[in-house]
Amino acid sequence: MYVPCAPPGVPSYNASQPYAVVGEARIHGPAKATGVPLRQALTDFAYQLAKHAYKLAECKDPRDFPEALPGYENNR
């Protein structure tokens, strides 16, 4: 999950790369879930992580987040 975020107090012209909040989730080893249910659980977790980190970062020009992302379709 990648969400652009300019931290307060840092002029954007001083950035060598764009700032962002990144939330990543993965599984190591066997999991009870597989396929779409596993992808959905990992995506939902990463989204909530990024949403929380974004709030804590106090980004310039803050954006609103939907309560949840649309779910995966079963045929993917």
PDB file of N, CA and C in Angstrom:
ATOM      1  N   MET A   1       0.854  -1.149   0.000  1.00  0.00           N
ATOM      2  CA  MET A   1       0.000   0.000   0.000  1.00  0.00           C
ATOM      3  C   MET A   1       0.910   1.224   0.000  1.00  0.00           C
ATOM      4  N   TYR A   2       0.752   2.103  -0.967  1.00  0.00           N
ATOM      5  CA  TYR A   2       1.576   3.294  -1.117  1.00  0.00           C
ATOM      6  C   TYR A   2       0.660   4.504  -1.117  1.00  0.00           C
ATOM      7  N   VAL A   3       0.906   5.439  -0.203  1.00  0.00           N
ATOM      8  CA  VAL A   3       0.104   6.655  -0.119  1.00  0.00           C
ATOM      9  C   VAL A   3       1.054   7.855  -0.101  1.00  0.00           C
ATOM     10  N   PRO A   4       1.020   8.728  -1.120  1.00  0.00           N
ATOM     11  CA  PRO A   4       1.880   9.911  -1.103  1.00  0.00           C
ATOM     12  C   PRO A   4       1.645  10.739   0.156  1.00  0.00           C
ATOM     13  N   CYS A   5       2.735  11.245   0.738  1.00  0.00           N
ATOM     14  CA  CYS A   5       2.641  11.997   1.992  1.00  0.00           C
ATOM     15  C   CYS A   5       3.845  12.910   2.117  1.00  0.00           C
ATOM     16  N   ALA A   6       3.613  14.205   2.153  1.00  0.00           N
ATOM     17  CA  ALA A   6       4.686  15.160   2.414  1.00  0.00           C
ATOM     18  C   ALA A   6       4.662  15.490   3.897  1.00  0.00           C
ATOM     19  N   PRO A   7       5.717  15.140   4.627  1.00  0.00           N
ATOM     20  CA  PRO A   7       5.719  15.419   6.061  1.00  0.00           C
ATOM     21  C   PRO A   7       5.751  16.914   6.356  1.00  0.00           C
ATOM     22  N   PRO A   8       5.204  17.318   7.500  1.00  0.00           N
ATOM     23  CA  PRO A   8       5.235  18.732   7.846  1.00  0.00           C
ATOM     24  C   PRO A   8       6.681  19.186   8.079  1.00  0.00           C
ATOM     25  N   GLY A   9       6.963  20.421   7.734  1.00  0.00           N
ATOM     26  CA  GLY A   9       8.280  20.967   7.981  1.00  0.00           C
ATOM     27  C   GLY A   9       9.340  20.614   6.956  1.00  0.00           C
ATOM     28  N   VAL A  10       8.996  19.855   5.947  1.00  0.00           N
ATOM     29  CA  VAL A  10       9.955  19.496   4.909  1.00  0.00           C
ATOM     30  C   VAL A  10       9.478  20.097   3.596  1.00  0.00           C
ATOM     31  N   PRO A  11      10.191  21.096   3.072  1.00  0.00           N
ATOM     32  CA  PRO A  11       9.780  21.673   1.794  1.00  0.00           C
ATOM     33  C   PRO A  11       9.903  20.633   0.673  1.00  0.00           C
ATOM     34  N   SER A  12       8.886  20.527  -0.149  1.00  0.00           N
ATOM     35  CA  SER A  12       8.890  19.513  -1.202  1.00  0.00           C
ATOM     36  C   SER A  12      10.040  19.700  -2.182  1.00  0.00           C
ATOM     37  N   TYR A  13      10.520  20.936  -2.347  1.00  0.00           N
ATOM     38  CA  TYR A  13      11.627  21.155  -3.276  1.00  0.00           C
ATOM     39  C   TYR A  13      12.944  20.589  -2.738  1.00  0.00           C
ATOM     40  N   ASN A  14      13.023  20.241  -1.452  1.00  0.00           N
ATOM     41  CA  ASN A  14      14.226  19.639  -0.886  1.00  0.00           C
ATOM     42  C   ASN A  14      14.237  18.119  -1.001  1.00  0.00           C
ATOM     43  N   ALA A  15      13.158  17.531  -1.439  1.00  0.00           N
ATOM     44  CA  ALA A  15      13.060  16.074  -1.504  1.00  0.00           C
ATOM     45  C   ALA A  15      13.727  15.551  -2.772  1.00  0.00           C
ATOM     46  N   SER A  16      14.608  14.577  -2.607  1.00  0.00           N
ATOM     47  CA  SER A  16      15.229  13.959  -3.775  1.00  0.00           C
ATOM     48  C   SER A  16      14.287  12.931  -4.397  1.00  0.00           C
ATOM     49  N   GLN A  17      13.342  12.433  -3.614  1.00  0.00           N
ATOM     50  CA  GLN A  17      12.321  11.501  -4.082  1.00  0.00           C
ATOM     51  C   GLN A  17      11.011  11.887  -3.409  1.00  0.00           C
ATOM     52  N   PRO A  18       9.884  11.488  -4.000  1.00  0.00           N
ATOM     53  CA  PRO A  18       8.601  11.788  -3.352  1.00  0.00           C
ATOM     54  C   PRO A  18       8.486  11.063  -2.005  1.00  0.00           C
ATOM     55  N   TYR A  19       7.873  11.720  -1.039  1.00  0.00           N
ATOM     56  CA  TYR A  19       7.616  11.096   0.256  1.00  0.00           C
ATOM     57  C   TYR A  19       6.330  10.280   0.179  1.00  0.00           C
ATOM     58  N   ALA A  20       6.273   9.229   0.986  1.00  0.00           N
ATOM     59  CA  ALA A  20       5.075   8.401   1.017  1.00  0.00           C
ATOM     60  C   ALA A  20       5.024   7.605   2.311  1.00  0.00           C
ATOM     61  N   VAL A  21       3.833   7.167   2.640  1.00  0.00           N
ATOM     62  CA  VAL A  21       3.628   6.183   3.690  1.00  0.00           C
ATOM     63  C   VAL A  21       3.421   4.859   2.969  1.00  0.00           C
ATOM     64  N   VAL A  22       4.128   3.839   3.410  1.00  0.00           N
ATOM     65  CA  VAL A  22       4.031   2.530   2.772  1.00  0.00           C
ATOM     66  C   VAL A  22       3.627   1.516   3.824  1.00  0.00           C
ATOM     67  N   GLY A  23       2.594   0.742   3.522  1.00  0.00           N
ATOM     68  CA  GLY A  23       2.177  -0.360   4.383  1.00  0.00           C
ATOM     69  C   GLY A  23       2.315  -1.649   3.599  1.00  0.00           C
ATOM     70  N   GLU A  24       3.015  -2.610   4.164  1.00  0.00           N
ATOM     71  CA  GLU A  24       3.232  -3.876   3.464  1.00  0.00           C
ATOM     72  C   GLU A  24       2.907  -5.023   4.408  1.00  0.00           C
ATOM     73  N   ALA A  25       2.277  -6.036   3.885  1.00  0.00           N
ATOM     74  CA  ALA A  25       1.967  -7.229   4.672  1.00  0.00           C
ATOM     75  C   ALA A  25       2.246  -8.453   3.814  1.00  0.00           C
ATOM     76  N   ARG A  26       2.854  -9.434   4.417  1.00  0.00           N
ATOM     77  CA  ARG A  26       3.111 -10.701   3.722  1.00  0.00           C
ATOM     78  C   ARG A  26       3.105 -11.821   4.733  1.00  0.00           C
ATOM     79  N   ILE A  27       3.087 -13.010   4.240  1.00  0.00           N
ATOM     80  CA  ILE A  27       3.057 -14.177   5.108  1.00  0.00           C
ATOM     81  C   ILE A  27       4.326 -14.986   4.880  1.00  0.00           C
ATOM     82  N   HIS A  28       4.870 -15.487   5.951  1.00  0.00           N
ATOM     83  CA  HIS A  28       6.045 -16.357   5.888  1.00  0.00           C
ATOM     84  C   HIS A  28       5.625 -17.722   6.415  1.00  0.00           C
ATOM     85  N   GLY A  29       5.814 -18.743   5.623  1.00  0.00           N
ATOM     86  CA  GLY A  29       5.433 -20.078   6.037  1.00  0.00           C
ATOM     87  C   GLY A  29       4.014 -20.415   5.651  1.00  0.00           C
ATOM     88  N   PRO A  30       3.536 -21.556   6.120  1.00  0.00           N
ATOM     89  CA  PRO A  30       2.186 -22.000   5.760  1.00  0.00           C
ATOM     90  C   PRO A  30       1.103 -21.098   6.367  1.00  0.00           C
ATOM     91  N   ALA A  31      -0.018 -21.010   5.667  1.00  0.00           N
ATOM     92  CA  ALA A  31      -1.154 -20.220   6.137  1.00  0.00           C
ATOM     93  C   ALA A  31      -2.427 -21.049   6.014  1.00  0.00           C
ATOM     94  N   LYS A  32      -3.366 -20.796   6.885  1.00  0.00           N
ATOM     95  CA  LYS A  32      -4.650 -21.490   6.808  1.00  0.00           C
ATOM     96  C   LYS A  32      -5.433 -21.055   5.588  1.00  0.00           C
ATOM     97  N   ALA A  33      -5.332 -19.780   5.240  1.00  0.00           N
ATOM     98  CA  ALA A  33      -6.050 -19.238   4.080  1.00  0.00           C
ATOM     99  C   ALA A  33      -5.134 -19.276   2.859  1.00  0.00           C
ATOM    100  N   THR A  34      -5.748 -19.346   1.687  1.00  0.00           N
ATOM    101  CA  THR A  34      -5.003 -19.287   0.430  1.00  0.00           C
ATOM    102  C   THR A  34      -5.833 -18.492  -0.577  1.00  0.00           C
ATOM    103  N   GLY A  35      -5.230 -18.160  -1.699  1.00  0.00           N
ATOM    104  CA  GLY A  35      -5.955 -17.515  -2.788  1.00  0.00           C
ATOM    105  C   GLY A  35      -6.553 -16.180  -2.395  1.00  0.00           C
ATOM    106  N   VAL A  36      -7.768 -15.947  -2.868  1.00  0.00           N
ATOM    107  CA  VAL A  36      -8.453 -14.671  -2.652  1.00  0.00           C
ATOM    108  C   VAL A  36      -8.627 -14.347  -1.167  1.00  0.00           C
ATOM    109  N   PRO A  37      -9.041 -15.295  -0.317  1.00  0.00           N
ATOM    110  CA  PRO A  37      -9.191 -14.942   1.097  1.00  0.00           C
ATOM    111  C   PRO A  37      -7.879 -14.462   1.741  1.00  0.00           C
ATOM    112  N   LEU A  38      -6.766 -15.076   1.367  1.00  0.00           N
ATOM    113  CA  LEU A  38      -5.474 -14.649   1.914  1.00  0.00           C
ATOM    114  C   LEU A  38      -5.088 -13.279   1.376  1.00  0.00           C
ATOM    115  N   ARG A  39      -5.232 -13.069   0.077  1.00  0.00           N
ATOM    116  CA  ARG A  39      -4.916 -11.762  -0.507  1.00  0.00           C
ATOM    117  C   ARG A  39      -5.773 -10.668   0.122  1.00  0.00           C
ATOM    118  N   GLN A  40      -7.054 -10.953   0.330  1.00  0.00           N
ATOM    119  CA  GLN A  40      -7.949  -9.958   0.925  1.00  0.00           C
ATOM    120  C   GLN A  40      -7.524  -9.627   2.344  1.00  0.00           C
ATOM    121  N   ALA A  41      -7.193 -10.631   3.143  1.00  0.00           N
ATOM    122  CA  ALA A  41      -6.776 -10.397   4.529  1.00  0.00           C
ATOM    123  C   ALA A  41      -5.489  -9.577   4.583  1.00  0.00           C
ATOM    124  N   LEU A  42      -4.520  -9.898   3.736  1.00  0.00           N
ATOM    125  CA  LEU A  42      -3.256  -9.155   3.723  1.00  0.00           C
ATOM    126  C   LEU A  42      -3.462  -7.720   3.240  1.00  0.00           C
ATOM    127  N   THR A  43      -4.288  -7.547   2.221  1.00  0.00           N
ATOM    128  CA  THR A  43      -4.569  -6.206   1.705  1.00  0.00           C
ATOM    129  C   THR A  43      -5.279  -5.361   2.752  1.00  0.00           C
ATOM    130  N   ASP A  44      -6.272  -5.933   3.417  1.00  0.00           N
ATOM    131  CA  ASP A  44      -7.011  -5.201   4.453  1.00  0.00           C
ATOM    132  C   ASP A  44      -6.082  -4.789   5.595  1.00  0.00           C
ATOM    133  N   PHE A  45      -5.175  -5.684   5.989  1.00  0.00           N
ATOM    134  CA  PHE A  45      -4.236  -5.379   7.056  1.00  0.00           C
ATOM    135  C   PHE A  45      -3.287  -4.257   6.638  1.00  0.00           C
ATOM    136  N   ALA A  46      -2.722  -4.356   5.442  1.00  0.00           N
ATOM    137  CA  ALA A  46      -1.799  -3.327   4.942  1.00  0.00           C
ATOM    138  C   ALA A  46      -2.516  -1.983   4.827  1.00  0.00           C
ATOM    139  N   TYR A  47      -3.760  -2.000   4.405  1.00  0.00           N
ATOM    140  CA  TYR A  47      -4.528  -0.761   4.274  1.00  0.00           C
ATOM    141  C   TYR A  47      -4.721  -0.089   5.628  1.00  0.00           C
ATOM    142  N   GLN A  48      -5.120  -0.852   6.624  1.00  0.00           N
ATOM    143  CA  GLN A  48      -5.323  -0.286   7.962  1.00  0.00           C
ATOM    144  C   GLN A  48      -4.002   0.221   8.540  1.00  0.00           C
ATOM    145  N   LEU A  49      -2.914  -0.492   8.290  1.00  0.00           N
ATOM    146  CA  LEU A  49      -1.592  -0.068   8.741  1.00  0.00           C
ATOM    147  C   LEU A  49      -1.195   1.263   8.098  1.00  0.00           C
ATOM    148  N   ALA A  50      -1.354   1.364   6.780  1.00  0.00           N
ATOM    149  CA  ALA A  50      -1.003   2.593   6.060  1.00  0.00           C
ATOM    150  C   ALA A  50      -1.898   3.755   6.495  1.00  0.00           C
ATOM    151  N   LYS A  51      -3.171   3.490   6.674  1.00  0.00           N
ATOM    152  CA  LYS A  51      -4.122   4.524   7.098  1.00  0.00           C
ATOM    153  C   LYS A  51      -3.733   5.089   8.469  1.00  0.00           C
ATOM    154  N   HIS A  52      -3.350   4.222   9.381  1.00  0.00           N
ATOM    155  CA  HIS A  52      -2.945   4.648  10.723  1.00  0.00           C
ATOM    156  C   HIS A  52      -1.620   5.419  10.667  1.00  0.00           C
ATOM    157  N   ALA A  53      -0.649   4.908   9.928  1.00  0.00           N
ATOM    158  CA  ALA A  53       0.652   5.579   9.803  1.00  0.00           C
ATOM    159  C   ALA A  53       0.490   6.952   9.151  1.00  0.00           C
ATOM    160  N   TYR A  54      -0.396   7.050   8.169  1.00  0.00           N
ATOM    161  CA  TYR A  54      -0.643   8.318   7.487  1.00  0.00           C
ATOM    162  C   TYR A  54      -1.159   9.361   8.477  1.00  0.00           C
ATOM    163  N   LYS A  55      -2.053   8.952   9.336  1.00  0.00           N
ATOM    164  CA  LYS A  55      -2.602   9.865  10.339  1.00  0.00           C
ATOM    165  C   LYS A  55      -1.500  10.334  11.294  1.00  0.00           C
ATOM    166  N   LEU A  56      -0.656   9.423  11.726  1.00  0.00           N
ATOM    167  CA  LEU A  56       0.431   9.764  12.645  1.00  0.00           C
ATOM    168  C   LEU A  56       1.481  10.660  11.990  1.00  0.00           C
ATOM    169  N   ALA A  57       1.665  10.520  10.675  1.00  0.00           N
ATOM    170  CA  ALA A  57       2.678  11.296   9.954  1.00  0.00           C
ATOM    171  C   ALA A  57       2.292  12.761   9.799  1.00  0.00           C
ATOM    172  N   GLU A  58       1.026  13.086   9.996  1.00  0.00           N
ATOM    173  CA  GLU A  58       0.530  14.462   9.857  1.00  0.00           C
ATOM    174  C   GLU A  58       0.939  15.059   8.507  1.00  0.00           C
ATOM    175  N   CYS A  59       0.639  14.357   7.445  1.00  0.00           N
ATOM    176  CA  CYS A  59       1.009  14.746   6.088  1.00  0.00           C
ATOM    177  C   CYS A  59       0.404  16.091   5.698  1.00  0.00           C
ATOM    178  N   LYS A  60       1.144  16.835   4.870  1.00  0.00           N
ATOM    179  CA  LYS A  60       0.615  18.075   4.309  1.00  0.00           C
ATOM    180  C   LYS A  60      -0.507  17.733   3.348  1.00  0.00           C
ATOM    181  N   ASP A  61      -1.477  18.608   3.219  1.00  0.00           N
ATOM    182  CA  ASP A  61      -2.632  18.385   2.341  1.00  0.00           C
ATOM    183  C   ASP A  61      -3.219  16.987   2.566  1.00  0.00           C
ATOM    184  N   PRO A  62      -3.658  16.698   3.797  1.00  0.00           N
ATOM    185  CA  PRO A  62      -4.140  15.350   4.102  1.00  0.00           C
ATOM    186  C   PRO A  62      -5.334  14.941   3.251  1.00  0.00           C
ATOM    187  N   ARG A  63      -5.429  13.660   3.022  1.00  0.00           N
ATOM    188  CA  ARG A  63      -6.529  13.100   2.237  1.00  0.00           C
ATOM    189  C   ARG A  63      -7.407  12.245   3.133  1.00  0.00           C
ATOM    190  N   ASP A  64      -8.619  12.041   2.700  1.00  0.00           N
ATOM    191  CA  ASP A  64      -9.541  11.166   3.420  1.00  0.00           C
ATOM    192  C   ASP A  64      -9.412   9.756   2.874  1.00  0.00           C
ATOM    193  N   PHE A  65      -9.558   8.791   3.740  1.00  0.00           N
ATOM    194  CA  PHE A  65      -9.512   7.381   3.366  1.00  0.00           C
ATOM    195  C   PHE A  65     -10.906   6.792   3.483  1.00  0.00           C
ATOM    196  N   PRO A  66     -11.300   5.944   2.541  1.00  0.00           N
ATOM    197  CA  PRO A  66     -12.567   5.237   2.730  1.00  0.00           C
ATOM    198  C   PRO A  66     -12.430   4.266   3.912  1.00  0.00           C
ATOM    199  N   GLU A  67     -13.535   3.877   4.485  1.00  0.00           N
ATOM    200  CA  GLU A  67     -13.509   2.938   5.606  1.00  0.00           C
ATOM    201  C   GLU A  67     -12.789   1.647   5.224  1.00  0.00           C
ATOM    202  N   ALA A  68     -13.034   1.170   4.013  1.00  0.00           N
ATOM    203  CA  ALA A  68     -12.386  -0.062   3.536  1.00  0.00           C
ATOM    204  C   ALA A  68     -12.227   0.022   2.029  1.00  0.00           C
ATOM    205  N   LEU A  69     -11.327  -0.786   1.510  1.00  0.00           N
ATOM    206  CA  LEU A  69     -11.142  -0.878   0.066  1.00  0.00           C
ATOM    207  C   LEU A  69     -12.155  -1.851  -0.523  1.00  0.00           C
ATOM    208  N   PRO A  70     -12.456  -1.741  -1.825  1.00  0.00           N
ATOM    209  CA  PRO A  70     -13.306  -2.758  -2.440  1.00  0.00           C
ATOM    210  C   PRO A  70     -12.645  -4.118  -2.348  1.00  0.00           C
ATOM    211  N   GLY A  71     -13.431  -5.144  -2.228  1.00  0.00           N
ATOM    212  CA  GLY A  71     -12.894  -6.507  -2.105  1.00  0.00           C
ATOM    213  C   GLY A  71     -12.449  -7.080  -3.432  1.00  0.00           C
ATOM    214  N   TYR A  72     -11.630  -8.117  -3.367  1.00  0.00           N
ATOM    215  CA  TYR A  72     -11.199  -8.834  -4.565  1.00  0.00           C
ATOM    216  C   TYR A  72     -12.362  -9.649  -5.109  1.00  0.00           C
ATOM    217  N   GLU A  73     -12.338  -9.872  -6.397  1.00  0.00           N
ATOM    218  CA  GLU A  73     -13.310 -10.783  -7.000  1.00  0.00           C
ATOM    219  C   GLU A  73     -12.767 -12.189  -6.886  1.00  0.00           C
ATOM    220  N   ASN A  74     -13.616 -13.158  -6.744  1.00  0.00           N
ATOM    221  CA  ASN A  74     -13.189 -14.542  -6.560  1.00  0.00           C
ATOM    222  C   ASN A  74     -12.461 -15.132  -7.764  1.00  0.00           C
ATOM    223  N   ASN A  75     -12.632 -14.561  -8.941  1.00  0.00           N
ATOM    224  CA  ASN A  75     -12.010 -15.154 -10.126  1.00  0.00           C
ATOM    225  C   ASN A  75     -10.615 -14.619 -10.393  1.00  0.00           C
ATOM    226  N   ARG A  76     -10.039 -13.873  -9.500  1.00  0.00           N
ATOM    227  CA  ARG A  76      -8.687 -13.341  -9.710  1.00  0.00           C
ATOM    228  C   ARG A  76      -7.663 -14.119  -8.973  1.00  0.00           C
TER     229      ARG A  76
END
